[in-house]
Structures are given as structure tokens and as C-alpha cells.
Amino acid sequence: MKKFIREVHCELEMVYVGQMCLSWEFIRWQYEKALDLWESQPHTRLHHYNQVADDFQQFQILLQRFLENEAFQGPRLQNYVKNRFVARNLLQVSVIREDKTRDRRKARRGKEDGYEAITSDMLVEILQESIRVIWQFIRADKDHSNTTKHSKKFQAELQNPADKQLLTEIQTDLQKKEKKVKEIMRSGDCILKKLQKKEKGGDLCFLSKVDMKLVGRVLKMSRITTDQLIWCRNKLNRISFFNTQIHVHPSFFLFPCSC
């Protein structure tokens, strides 16, 4: 019975962590797309994005509600599973699409004179807020603790025992890069609270911070597969430093959820 419970826990944890990593990849991708639209549609109100804006605002509401209630709901994993039964769209990221003509007409009729068209520049701001909210969700994961600090107390079950060396290398790399980012933050060259429209891809320091937090969470899973370790290594490899500058190589890595 204990073995069965452990298996169920490992499966649910993989789904939860995988969804969190996938949502982050997709929302970054959609943010890049929103920036492209904003740059290609300057000072125009011909393109409306009201429907997808509503979707992202709902995304924010669900995560904020989850965070507000989390203190009274027990461990994060069990709370997430329970909430997914109630809110199927929790952590689901919408794809940016322009409103259809008939949808615009329907919205105007429904809101009469109060209708406000969501343009590409407004959509960028909504995506920025969505990114800040999902960062709060990731950062507030109490099941995640500093991997390198507690590595002696906790040891994940490896699908392949031969991956122990790879795990150690990833933990070491993560520790070094976390330390480097903290140094850059202390120097004042990195601001986590702000994403700039003018900088495509947002604040690289912020993006690397989120990526490393997710890698750390994967390394704290009860069971880790070889593919998941490779995913962690690839995520860290895309983060590099030159003096006090951070460079994050463009990429899109889908988290491997198969056992």
C-alpha cells in the first residue's frame, strides 16, 4: 500500500511540476509574440485582442486566488490537484489571437459605449502582469527548497542510478549560477520587479531567476528521470554571464513528463 501511495505521489508531482514548467515556457513564448505584434503595429487600433486579454486576466485571477487561499489548504501538491478539479484552466496559458470581426461587433453591442478595444501595447502590459503572477506562484511553492543547501538532507530517487554524476554536476552548476545572479542583483544591475517593453524578451536577470527556480524545483522531485535531468542541464546551459551581464539564449524546452 505504501508503495502504491508513493507511486501516485510521484505521478501527481510530475504532472504538477511539468505543468508549471510548461506554463512558464508558453507564457514566455506568448510574451515574445505580443512584443512582436506591438513592434509591428505601432500606433494602430485596427487589431483588437479583447478575447485573449480576458483569457490572460482569468489566468491571473485563478493563480491569485490559489495563492490567497494556499495558507489554509495544506501542501502545495495536494492543493494543486484539488484545485484542478474545480478550476480546469488553472495554469493554462492561452494562445494570442486577434478578435474576429463578429466578436468585435458582439462585444461592442454587449458593452455599448463602455467597450474598450485591447490593442497590442495593452496586451503586452497584460502579459507582463501575467508573468509577474506566475512568478509569485512559482516562488511561493513551499515544497521547493534551496536544492544545493538541502542536498545532503534530501536525495531524489533517480530512474537510472548511473545519473548520479549528472545530478551532482547540475546541482553544482545551479549553485554557481544562483550565486552569480545574486551578485549581479546586489550590484544594482538587475531589477526583478520590472519588465521593459523596449527590451524584447524582458529582463534577462528576471528570466534566468525563474528558470533556475524551476530547475531547483525539478531537482526536488521525489523521482527524476534521465530526460528530466537533461532538461535541467539544457535550461542551465542557456544561461551565461559576461562580467555583470546575463545572456539567456533563446530556446523552447518542453518538460518531459514520461516515466
C-alpha atoms as a PDB file:
ATOM      1  CA  MET A   1       0.000   0.000   0.000  1.00  0.00           C
ATOM      2  CA  LYS A   2       2.833   2.399   0.853  1.00  0.00           C
ATOM      3  CA  LYS A   3       4.453   1.660  -2.492  1.00  0.00           C
ATOM      4  CA  PHE A   4       1.197   2.416  -4.312  1.00  0.00           C
ATOM      5  CA  ILE A   5       0.772   5.717  -2.447  1.00  0.00           C
ATOM      6  CA  ARG A   6       4.356   6.675  -3.277  1.00  0.00           C
ATOM      7  CA  GLU A   7       3.799   5.873  -6.961  1.00  0.00           C
ATOM      8  CA  VAL A   8       0.667   8.021  -7.054  1.00  0.00           C
ATOM      9  CA  HIS A   9       2.513  10.859  -5.320  1.00  0.00           C
ATOM     10  CA  CYS A  10       5.385  10.678  -7.819  1.00  0.00           C
ATOM     11  CA  GLU A  11       2.978  10.700 -10.766  1.00  0.00           C
ATOM     12  CA  LEU A  12       0.991  13.663  -9.446  1.00  0.00           C
ATOM     13  CA  GLU A  13       4.156  15.571  -8.604  1.00  0.00           C
ATOM     14  CA  MET A  14       5.480  15.041 -12.120  1.00  0.00           C
ATOM     15  CA  VAL A  15       2.214  16.340 -13.598  1.00  0.00           C
ATOM     16  CA  TYR A  16       2.248  19.395 -11.320  1.00  0.00           C
ATOM     17  CA  VAL A  17       5.898  20.313 -11.887  1.00  0.00           C
ATOM     18  CA  GLY A  18       5.567  19.574 -15.596  1.00  0.00           C
ATOM     19  CA  GLN A  19       2.532  21.852 -15.909  1.00  0.00           C
ATOM     20  CA  MET A  20       4.304  24.648 -14.057  1.00  0.00           C
ATOM     21  CA  CYS A  21       7.373  24.395 -16.309  1.00  0.00           C
ATOM     22  CA  LEU A  22       5.236  24.133 -19.438  1.00  0.00           C
ATOM     23  CA  SER A  23       3.114  27.142 -18.465  1.00  0.00           C
ATOM     24  CA  TRP A  24       6.240  29.223 -17.938  1.00  0.00           C
ATOM     25  CA  GLU A  25       7.646  28.244 -21.358  1.00  0.00           C
ATOM     26  CA  PHE A  26       4.353  29.060 -23.081  1.00  0.00           C
ATOM     27  CA  ILE A  27       3.776  32.378 -21.352  1.00  0.00           C
ATOM     28  CA  ARG A  28       7.298  33.490 -22.262  1.00  0.00           C
ATOM     29  CA  TRP A  29       6.627  32.453 -25.843  1.00  0.00           C
ATOM     30  CA  GLN A  30       3.354  34.377 -25.905  1.00  0.00           C
ATOM     31  CA  TYR A  31       5.060  37.410 -24.376  1.00  0.00           C
ATOM     32  CA  GLU A  32       7.607  37.357 -27.209  1.00  0.00           C
ATOM     33  CA  LYS A  33       4.730  37.149 -29.667  1.00  0.00           C
ATOM     34  CA  ALA A  34       2.955  40.087 -28.013  1.00  0.00           C
ATOM     35  CA  LEU A  35       6.131  42.164 -28.275  1.00  0.00           C
ATOM     36  CA  ASP A  36       6.416  41.299 -31.974  1.00  0.00           C
ATOM     37  CA  LEU A  37       2.816  42.402 -32.529  1.00  0.00           C
ATOM     38  CA  TRP A  38       3.409  45.624 -30.610  1.00  0.00           C
ATOM     39  CA  GLU A  39       6.510  46.427 -32.681  1.00  0.00           C
ATOM     40  CA  SER A  40       4.767  45.660 -35.978  1.00  0.00           C
ATOM     41  CA  GLN A  41       1.567  47.554 -35.123  1.00  0.00           C
ATOM     42  CA  PRO A  42       2.730  50.917 -33.725  1.00  0.00           C
ATOM     43  CA  HIS A  43       0.033  53.496 -33.024  1.00  0.00           C
ATOM     44  CA  THR A  44      -2.743  51.460 -34.624  1.00  0.00           C
ATOM     45  CA  ARG A  45      -6.130  50.424 -33.230  1.00  0.00           C
ATOM     46  CA  LEU A  46      -7.112  48.228 -36.162  1.00  0.00           C
ATOM     47  CA  HIS A  47      -6.229  44.990 -34.367  1.00  0.00           C
ATOM     48  CA  HIS A  48      -8.156  44.010 -31.245  1.00  0.00           C
ATOM     49  CA  TYR A  49      -7.262  41.331 -28.679  1.00  0.00           C
ATOM     50  CA  ASN A  50     -10.114  41.531 -26.193  1.00  0.00           C
ATOM     51  CA  GLN A  51     -10.879  37.810 -26.038  1.00  0.00           C
ATOM     52  CA  VAL A  52      -7.329  36.654 -25.357  1.00  0.00           C
ATOM     53  CA  ALA A  53      -6.870  39.566 -22.932  1.00  0.00           C
ATOM     54  CA  ASP A  54      -9.852  38.233 -20.976  1.00  0.00           C
ATOM     55  CA  ASP A  55      -8.243  34.774 -21.006  1.00  0.00           C
ATOM     56  CA  PHE A  56      -4.991  36.082 -19.533  1.00  0.00           C
ATOM     57  CA  GLN A  57      -6.818  38.122 -16.919  1.00  0.00           C
ATOM     58  CA  GLN A  58      -8.677  34.961 -15.921  1.00  0.00           C
ATOM     59  CA  PHE A  59      -5.287  33.207 -15.765  1.00  0.00           C
ATOM     60  CA  GLN A  60      -4.147  35.863 -13.284  1.00  0.00           C
ATOM     61  CA  ILE A  61      -7.313  35.645 -11.192  1.00  0.00           C
ATOM     62  CA  LEU A  62      -7.096  31.863 -10.807  1.00  0.00           C
ATOM     63  CA  LEU A  63      -3.456  31.979  -9.700  1.00  0.00           C
ATOM     64  CA  GLN A  64      -4.015  34.898  -7.339  1.00  0.00           C
ATOM     65  CA  ARG A  65      -6.997  33.147  -5.780  1.00  0.00           C
ATOM     66  CA  PHE A  66      -4.918  29.986  -5.385  1.00  0.00           C
ATOM     67  CA  LEU A  67      -2.162  31.939  -3.626  1.00  0.00           C
ATOM     68  CA  GLU A  68      -4.587  33.789  -1.353  1.00  0.00           C
ATOM     69  CA  ASN A  69      -6.112  30.517  -0.128  1.00  0.00           C
ATOM     70  CA  GLU A  70      -2.942  28.436  -0.049  1.00  0.00           C
ATOM     71  CA  ALA A  71      -2.086  29.132   3.591  1.00  0.00           C
ATOM     72  CA  PHE A  72      -5.289  27.326   4.629  1.00  0.00           C
ATOM     73  CA  GLN A  73      -5.154  24.440   2.144  1.00  0.00           C
ATOM     74  CA  GLY A  74      -2.172  22.317   3.168  1.00  0.00           C
ATOM     75  CA  PRO A  75       0.766  21.174   0.991  1.00  0.00           C
ATOM     76  CA  ARG A  76       1.085  22.693  -2.498  1.00  0.00           C
ATOM     77  CA  LEU A  77       0.821  19.420  -4.438  1.00  0.00           C
ATOM     78  CA  GLN A  78      -2.417  18.249  -2.818  1.00  0.00           C
ATOM     79  CA  ASN A  79      -3.835  21.757  -3.074  1.00  0.00           C
ATOM     80  CA  TYR A  80      -2.986  21.927  -6.780  1.00  0.00           C
ATOM     81  CA  VAL A  81      -4.625  18.569  -7.528  1.00  0.00           C
ATOM     82  CA  LYS A  82      -7.771  19.576  -5.641  1.00  0.00           C
ATOM     83  CA  ASN A  83      -7.978  22.941  -7.402  1.00  0.00           C
ATOM     84  CA  ARG A  84      -7.587  21.388 -10.845  1.00  0.00           C
ATOM     85  CA  PHE A  85     -10.862  19.543 -10.302  1.00  0.00           C
ATOM     86  CA  VAL A  86     -12.579  22.864  -9.578  1.00  0.00           C
ATOM     87  CA  ALA A  87     -10.700  25.137 -11.995  1.00  0.00           C
ATOM     88  CA  ARG A  88      -9.700  23.183 -15.086  1.00  0.00           C
ATOM     89  CA  ASN A  89      -7.978  26.249 -16.549  1.00  0.00           C
ATOM     90  CA  LEU A  90      -5.552  26.661 -13.656  1.00  0.00           C
ATOM     91  CA  LEU A  91      -2.071  27.303 -15.121  1.00  0.00           C
ATOM     92  CA  GLN A  92      -3.447  27.013 -18.672  1.00  0.00           C
ATOM     93  CA  VAL A  93      -1.890  29.616 -20.996  1.00  0.00           C
ATOM     94  CA  SER A  94      -3.924  30.875 -23.957  1.00  0.00           C
ATOM     95  CA  VAL A  95      -2.553  31.406 -27.456  1.00  0.00           C
ATOM     96  CA  ILE A  96      -2.616  35.000 -28.700  1.00  0.00           C
ATOM     97  CA  ARG A  97      -5.125  35.517 -31.492  1.00  0.00           C
ATOM     98  CA  GLU A  98      -6.811  38.564 -32.946  1.00  0.00           C
ATOM     99  CA  ASP A  99     -10.527  39.046 -32.323  1.00  0.00           C
ATOM    100  CA  LYS A 100     -12.775  38.085 -35.206  1.00  0.00           C
ATOM    101  CA  THR A 101     -14.946  40.808 -36.732  1.00  0.00           C
ATOM    102  CA  ARG A 102     -18.181  39.273 -35.456  1.00  0.00           C
ATOM    103  CA  ASP A 103     -16.697  39.018 -31.953  1.00  0.00           C
ATOM    104  CA  ARG A 104     -15.860  42.722 -32.020  1.00  0.00           C
ATOM    105  CA  ARG A 105     -19.397  43.608 -33.043  1.00  0.00           C
ATOM    106  CA  LYS A 106     -20.853  41.384 -30.340  1.00  0.00           C
ATOM    107  CA  ALA A 107     -18.557  42.923 -27.708  1.00  0.00           C
ATOM    108  CA  ARG A 108     -19.483  46.439 -28.752  1.00  0.00           C
ATOM    109  CA  ARG A 109     -23.199  45.627 -28.569  1.00  0.00           C
ATOM    110  CA  GLY A 110     -22.782  43.947 -25.201  1.00  0.00           C
ATOM    111  CA  LYS A 111     -20.821  46.783 -23.610  1.00  0.00           C
ATOM    112  CA  GLU A 112     -22.380  49.586 -25.634  1.00  0.00           C
ATOM    113  CA  ASP A 113     -20.448  52.823 -25.105  1.00  0.00           C
ATOM    114  CA  GLY A 114     -18.229  51.202 -22.464  1.00  0.00           C
ATOM    115  CA  TYR A 115     -16.434  48.995 -24.985  1.00  0.00           C
ATOM    116  CA  GLU A 116     -12.658  49.418 -24.928  1.00  0.00           C
ATOM    117  CA  ALA A 117     -10.532  47.804 -27.612  1.00  0.00           C
ATOM    118  CA  ILE A 118      -7.473  45.946 -26.310  1.00  0.00           C
ATOM    119  CA  THR A 119      -4.592  46.822 -28.626  1.00  0.00           C
ATOM    120  CA  SER A 120      -1.164  45.198 -28.883  1.00  0.00           C
ATOM    121  CA  ASP A 121       0.512  47.632 -26.465  1.00  0.00           C
ATOM    122  CA  MET A 122      -2.174  46.954 -23.855  1.00  0.00           C
ATOM    123  CA  LEU A 123      -1.810  43.220 -24.464  1.00  0.00           C
ATOM    124  CA  VAL A 124       1.918  43.448 -23.704  1.00  0.00           C
ATOM    125  CA  GLU A 125       1.117  45.013 -20.328  1.00  0.00           C
ATOM    126  CA  ILE A 126      -1.408  42.266 -19.562  1.00  0.00           C
ATOM    127  CA  LEU A 127       1.208  39.621 -20.414  1.00  0.00           C
ATOM    128  CA  GLN A 128       3.726  41.363 -18.180  1.00  0.00           C
ATOM    129  CA  GLU A 129       1.294  41.177 -15.285  1.00  0.00           C
ATOM    130  CA  SER A 130       0.605  37.506 -16.057  1.00  0.00           C
ATOM    131  CA  ILE A 131       4.343  36.818 -15.909  1.00  0.00           C
ATOM    132  CA  ARG A 132       4.616  38.556 -12.547  1.00  0.00           C
ATOM    133  CA  VAL A 133       1.714  36.499 -11.192  1.00  0.00           C
ATOM    134  CA  ILE A 134       3.102  33.152 -12.347  1.00  0.00           C
ATOM    135  CA  TRP A 135       6.449  34.129 -10.824  1.00  0.00           C
ATOM    136  CA  GLN A 136       4.682  34.682  -7.499  1.00  0.00           C
ATOM    137  CA  PHE A 137       3.120  31.230  -7.882  1.00  0.00           C
ATOM    138  CA  ILE A 138       6.480  29.573  -8.619  1.00  0.00           C
ATOM    139  CA  ARG A 139       8.300  31.440  -5.860  1.00  0.00           C
ATOM    140  CA  ALA A 140       5.619  30.605  -3.271  1.00  0.00           C
ATOM    141  CA  ASP A 141       5.976  26.838  -3.769  1.00  0.00           C
ATOM    142  CA  LYS A 142       6.698  25.690  -0.216  1.00  0.00           C
ATOM    143  CA  ASP A 143       7.523  22.192  -1.459  1.00  0.00           C
ATOM    144  CA  HIS A 144      10.521  23.764  -3.169  1.00  0.00           C
ATOM    145  CA  SER A 145      13.536  24.494  -1.001  1.00  0.00           C
ATOM    146  CA  ASN A 146      17.021  25.552  -1.975  1.00  0.00           C
ATOM    147  CA  THR A 147      18.340  22.465  -3.740  1.00  0.00           C
ATOM    148  CA  THR A 148      22.017  22.960  -3.084  1.00  0.00           C
ATOM    149  CA  LYS A 149      21.542  23.989   0.554  1.00  0.00           C
ATOM    150  CA  HIS A 150      19.497  20.908   1.450  1.00  0.00           C
ATOM    151  CA  SER A 151      21.055  18.399  -0.950  1.00  0.00           C
ATOM    152  CA  LYS A 152      22.594  16.426   1.929  1.00  0.00           C
ATOM    153  CA  LYS A 153      19.230  16.080   3.665  1.00  0.00           C
ATOM    154  CA  PHE A 154      17.284  15.143   0.560  1.00  0.00           C
ATOM    155  CA  GLN A 155      18.208  12.774  -2.237  1.00  0.00           C
ATOM    156  CA  ALA A 156      15.822  12.196  -5.118  1.00  0.00           C
ATOM    157  CA  GLU A 157      15.201   8.717  -6.455  1.00  0.00           C
ATOM    158  CA  LEU A 158      16.904   8.505  -9.838  1.00  0.00           C
ATOM    159  CA  GLN A 159      15.287   6.469 -12.585  1.00  0.00           C
ATOM    160  CA  ASN A 160      18.791   5.475 -13.628  1.00  0.00           C
ATOM    161  CA  PRO A 161      21.332   5.209 -10.771  1.00  0.00           C
ATOM    162  CA  ALA A 162      24.058   5.952 -13.319  1.00  0.00           C
ATOM    163  CA  ASP A 163      22.726   9.536 -13.475  1.00  0.00           C
ATOM    164  CA  LYS A 164      24.128  10.366 -10.036  1.00  0.00           C
ATOM    165  CA  GLN A 165      27.149  12.129 -11.532  1.00  0.00           C
ATOM    166  CA  LEU A 166      24.924  14.126 -13.887  1.00  0.00           C
ATOM    167  CA  LEU A 167      22.721  15.157 -10.953  1.00  0.00           C
ATOM    168  CA  THR A 168      25.763  16.329  -8.988  1.00  0.00           C
ATOM    169  CA  GLU A 169      27.035  18.357 -11.959  1.00  0.00           C
ATOM    170  CA  ILE A 170      23.647  20.037 -12.403  1.00  0.00           C
ATOM    171  CA  GLN A 171      23.404  20.866  -8.692  1.00  0.00           C
ATOM    172  CA  THR A 172      26.890  22.395  -8.790  1.00  0.00           C
ATOM    173  CA  ASP A 173      26.110  24.421 -11.915  1.00  0.00           C
ATOM    174  CA  LEU A 174      22.838  25.636 -10.404  1.00  0.00           C
ATOM    175  CA  GLN A 175      24.588  26.714  -7.209  1.00  0.00           C
ATOM    176  CA  LYS A 176      27.222  28.690  -9.143  1.00  0.00           C
ATOM    177  CA  LYS A 177      24.685  30.450 -11.340  1.00  0.00           C
ATOM    178  CA  GLU A 178      22.355  31.248  -8.447  1.00  0.00           C
ATOM    179  CA  LYS A 179      25.309  32.832  -6.665  1.00  0.00           C
ATOM    180  CA  LYS A 180      26.295  34.812  -9.770  1.00  0.00           C
ATOM    181  CA  VAL A 181      22.773  36.174 -10.251  1.00  0.00           C
ATOM    182  CA  LYS A 182      22.629  37.224  -6.585  1.00  0.00           C
ATOM    183  CA  GLU A 183      25.912  39.099  -7.027  1.00  0.00           C
ATOM    184  CA  ILE A 184      24.562  40.898 -10.092  1.00  0.00           C
ATOM    185  CA  MET A 185      21.354  41.740  -8.231  1.00  0.00           C
ATOM    186  CA  ARG A 186      23.333  43.210  -5.331  1.00  0.00           C
ATOM    187  CA  SER A 187      25.311  45.330  -7.777  1.00  0.00           C
ATOM    188  CA  GLY A 188      22.065  47.006  -8.844  1.00  0.00           C
ATOM    189  CA  ASP A 189      22.290  45.899 -12.483  1.00  0.00           C
ATOM    190  CA  CYS A 190      19.264  43.640 -12.246  1.00  0.00           C
ATOM    191  CA  ILE A 191      15.674  44.578 -11.396  1.00  0.00           C
ATOM    192  CA  LEU A 192      13.327  41.653 -10.865  1.00  0.00           C
ATOM    193  CA  LYS A 193      10.163  43.676 -10.485  1.00  0.00           C
ATOM    194  CA  LYS A 194      10.091  45.254 -13.917  1.00  0.00           C
ATOM    195  CA  LEU A 195       9.846  44.013 -17.482  1.00  0.00           C
ATOM    196  CA  GLN A 196      10.557  46.574 -20.164  1.00  0.00           C
ATOM    197  CA  LYS A 197       8.668  46.772 -23.451  1.00  0.00           C
ATOM    198  CA  LYS A 198      11.717  48.123 -25.200  1.00  0.00           C
ATOM    199  CA  GLU A 199      13.789  45.063 -24.290  1.00  0.00           C
ATOM    200  CA  LYS A 200      12.494  42.136 -26.287  1.00  0.00           C
ATOM    201  CA  GLY A 201      12.386  39.092 -24.076  1.00  0.00           C
ATOM    202  CA  GLY A 202      12.095  41.164 -20.932  1.00  0.00           C
ATOM    203  CA  ASP A 203      14.582  41.473 -18.115  1.00  0.00           C
ATOM    204  CA  LEU A 204      17.145  38.691 -18.643  1.00  0.00           C
ATOM    205  CA  CYS A 205      18.029  38.660 -14.975  1.00  0.00           C
ATOM    206  CA  PHE A 206      14.401  38.045 -14.090  1.00  0.00           C
ATOM    207  CA  LEU A 207      14.009  35.326 -16.731  1.00  0.00           C
ATOM    208  CA  SER A 208      17.129  33.486 -15.584  1.00  0.00           C
ATOM    209  CA  LYS A 209      15.920  33.725 -11.972  1.00  0.00           C
ATOM    210  CA  VAL A 210      12.653  31.982 -12.863  1.00  0.00           C
ATOM    211  CA  ASP A 211      14.417  29.334 -14.958  1.00  0.00           C
ATOM    212  CA  MET A 212      16.763  28.476 -12.106  1.00  0.00           C
ATOM    213  CA  LYS A 213      13.901  28.345  -9.613  1.00  0.00           C
ATOM    214  CA  LEU A 214      12.148  25.808 -11.856  1.00  0.00           C
ATOM    215  CA  VAL A 215      15.311  23.749 -12.253  1.00  0.00           C
ATOM    216  CA  GLY A 216      15.641  23.724  -8.482  1.00  0.00           C
ATOM    217  CA  ARG A 217      12.048  22.508  -8.133  1.00  0.00           C
ATOM    218  CA  VAL A 218      12.620  19.684 -10.608  1.00  0.00           C
ATOM    219  CA  LEU A 219      15.683  18.585  -8.649  1.00  0.00           C
ATOM    220  CA  LYS A 220      13.493  18.355  -5.528  1.00  0.00           C
ATOM    221  CA  MET A 221      11.038  15.943  -7.124  1.00  0.00           C
ATOM    222  CA  SER A 222      10.706  12.581  -5.400  1.00  0.00           C
ATOM    223  CA  ARG A 223      11.734  10.803  -8.585  1.00  0.00           C
ATOM    224  CA  ILE A 224      13.723  12.183 -11.521  1.00  0.00           C
ATOM    225  CA  THR A 225      14.185  10.627 -14.950  1.00  0.00           C
ATOM    226  CA  THR A 226      17.207  10.933 -17.210  1.00  0.00           C
ATOM    227  CA  ASP A 227      15.270  13.112 -19.659  1.00  0.00           C
ATOM    228  CA  GLN A 228      14.282  15.470 -16.860  1.00  0.00           C
ATOM    229  CA  LEU A 229      17.904  15.830 -15.772  1.00  0.00           C
ATOM    230  CA  ILE A 230      18.861  16.595 -19.367  1.00  0.00           C
ATOM    231  CA  TRP A 231      16.084  19.214 -19.436  1.00  0.00           C
ATOM    232  CA  CYS A 232      17.600  20.807 -16.313  1.00  0.00           C
ATOM    233  CA  ARG A 233      21.067  20.812 -17.852  1.00  0.00           C
ATOM    234  CA  ASN A 234      19.778  22.381 -21.075  1.00  0.00           C
ATOM    235  CA  LYS A 235      17.948  25.088 -19.124  1.00  0.00           C
ATOM    236  CA  LEU A 236      21.099  25.982 -17.202  1.00  0.00           C
ATOM    237  CA  ASN A 237      23.309  25.838 -20.299  1.00  0.00           C
ATOM    238  CA  ARG A 238      21.263  28.582 -21.923  1.00  0.00           C
ATOM    239  CA  ILE A 239      22.195  30.974 -19.099  1.00  0.00           C
ATOM    240  CA  SER A 240      25.643  32.532 -19.445  1.00  0.00           C
ATOM    241  CA  PHE A 241      27.470  35.526 -17.982  1.00  0.00           C
ATOM    242  CA  PHE A 242      29.863  38.170 -19.229  1.00  0.00           C
ATOM    243  CA  ASN A 243      31.133  40.286 -16.354  1.00  0.00           C
ATOM    244  CA  THR A 244      27.899  41.687 -14.845  1.00  0.00           C
ATOM    245  CA  GLN A 245      25.782  40.945 -17.891  1.00  0.00           C
ATOM    246  CA  ILE A 246      23.449  37.970 -18.215  1.00  0.00           C
ATOM    247  CA  HIS A 247      22.734  36.334 -21.538  1.00  0.00           C
ATOM    248  CA  VAL A 248      19.828  33.923 -21.939  1.00  0.00           C
ATOM    249  CA  HIS A 249      19.942  32.037 -25.219  1.00  0.00           C
ATOM    250  CA  PRO A 250      16.525  31.805 -26.941  1.00  0.00           C
ATOM    251  CA  SER A 251      15.039  28.337 -26.626  1.00  0.00           C
ATOM    252  CA  PHE A 252      11.834  26.432 -26.019  1.00  0.00           C
ATOM    253  CA  PHE A 253      12.181  23.278 -23.929  1.00  0.00           C
ATOM    254  CA  LEU A 254       9.139  21.114 -23.273  1.00  0.00           C
ATOM    255  CA  PHE A 255       9.368  19.419 -19.902  1.00  0.00           C
ATOM    256  CA  PRO A 256       9.500  15.606 -20.331  1.00  0.00           C
ATOM    257  CA  CYS A 257       6.662  14.085 -18.308  1.00  0.00           C
ATOM    258  CA  SER A 258       7.027  10.447 -19.365  1.00  0.00           C
ATOM    259  CA  CYS A 259       8.484   7.974 -16.916  1.00  0.00           C
END
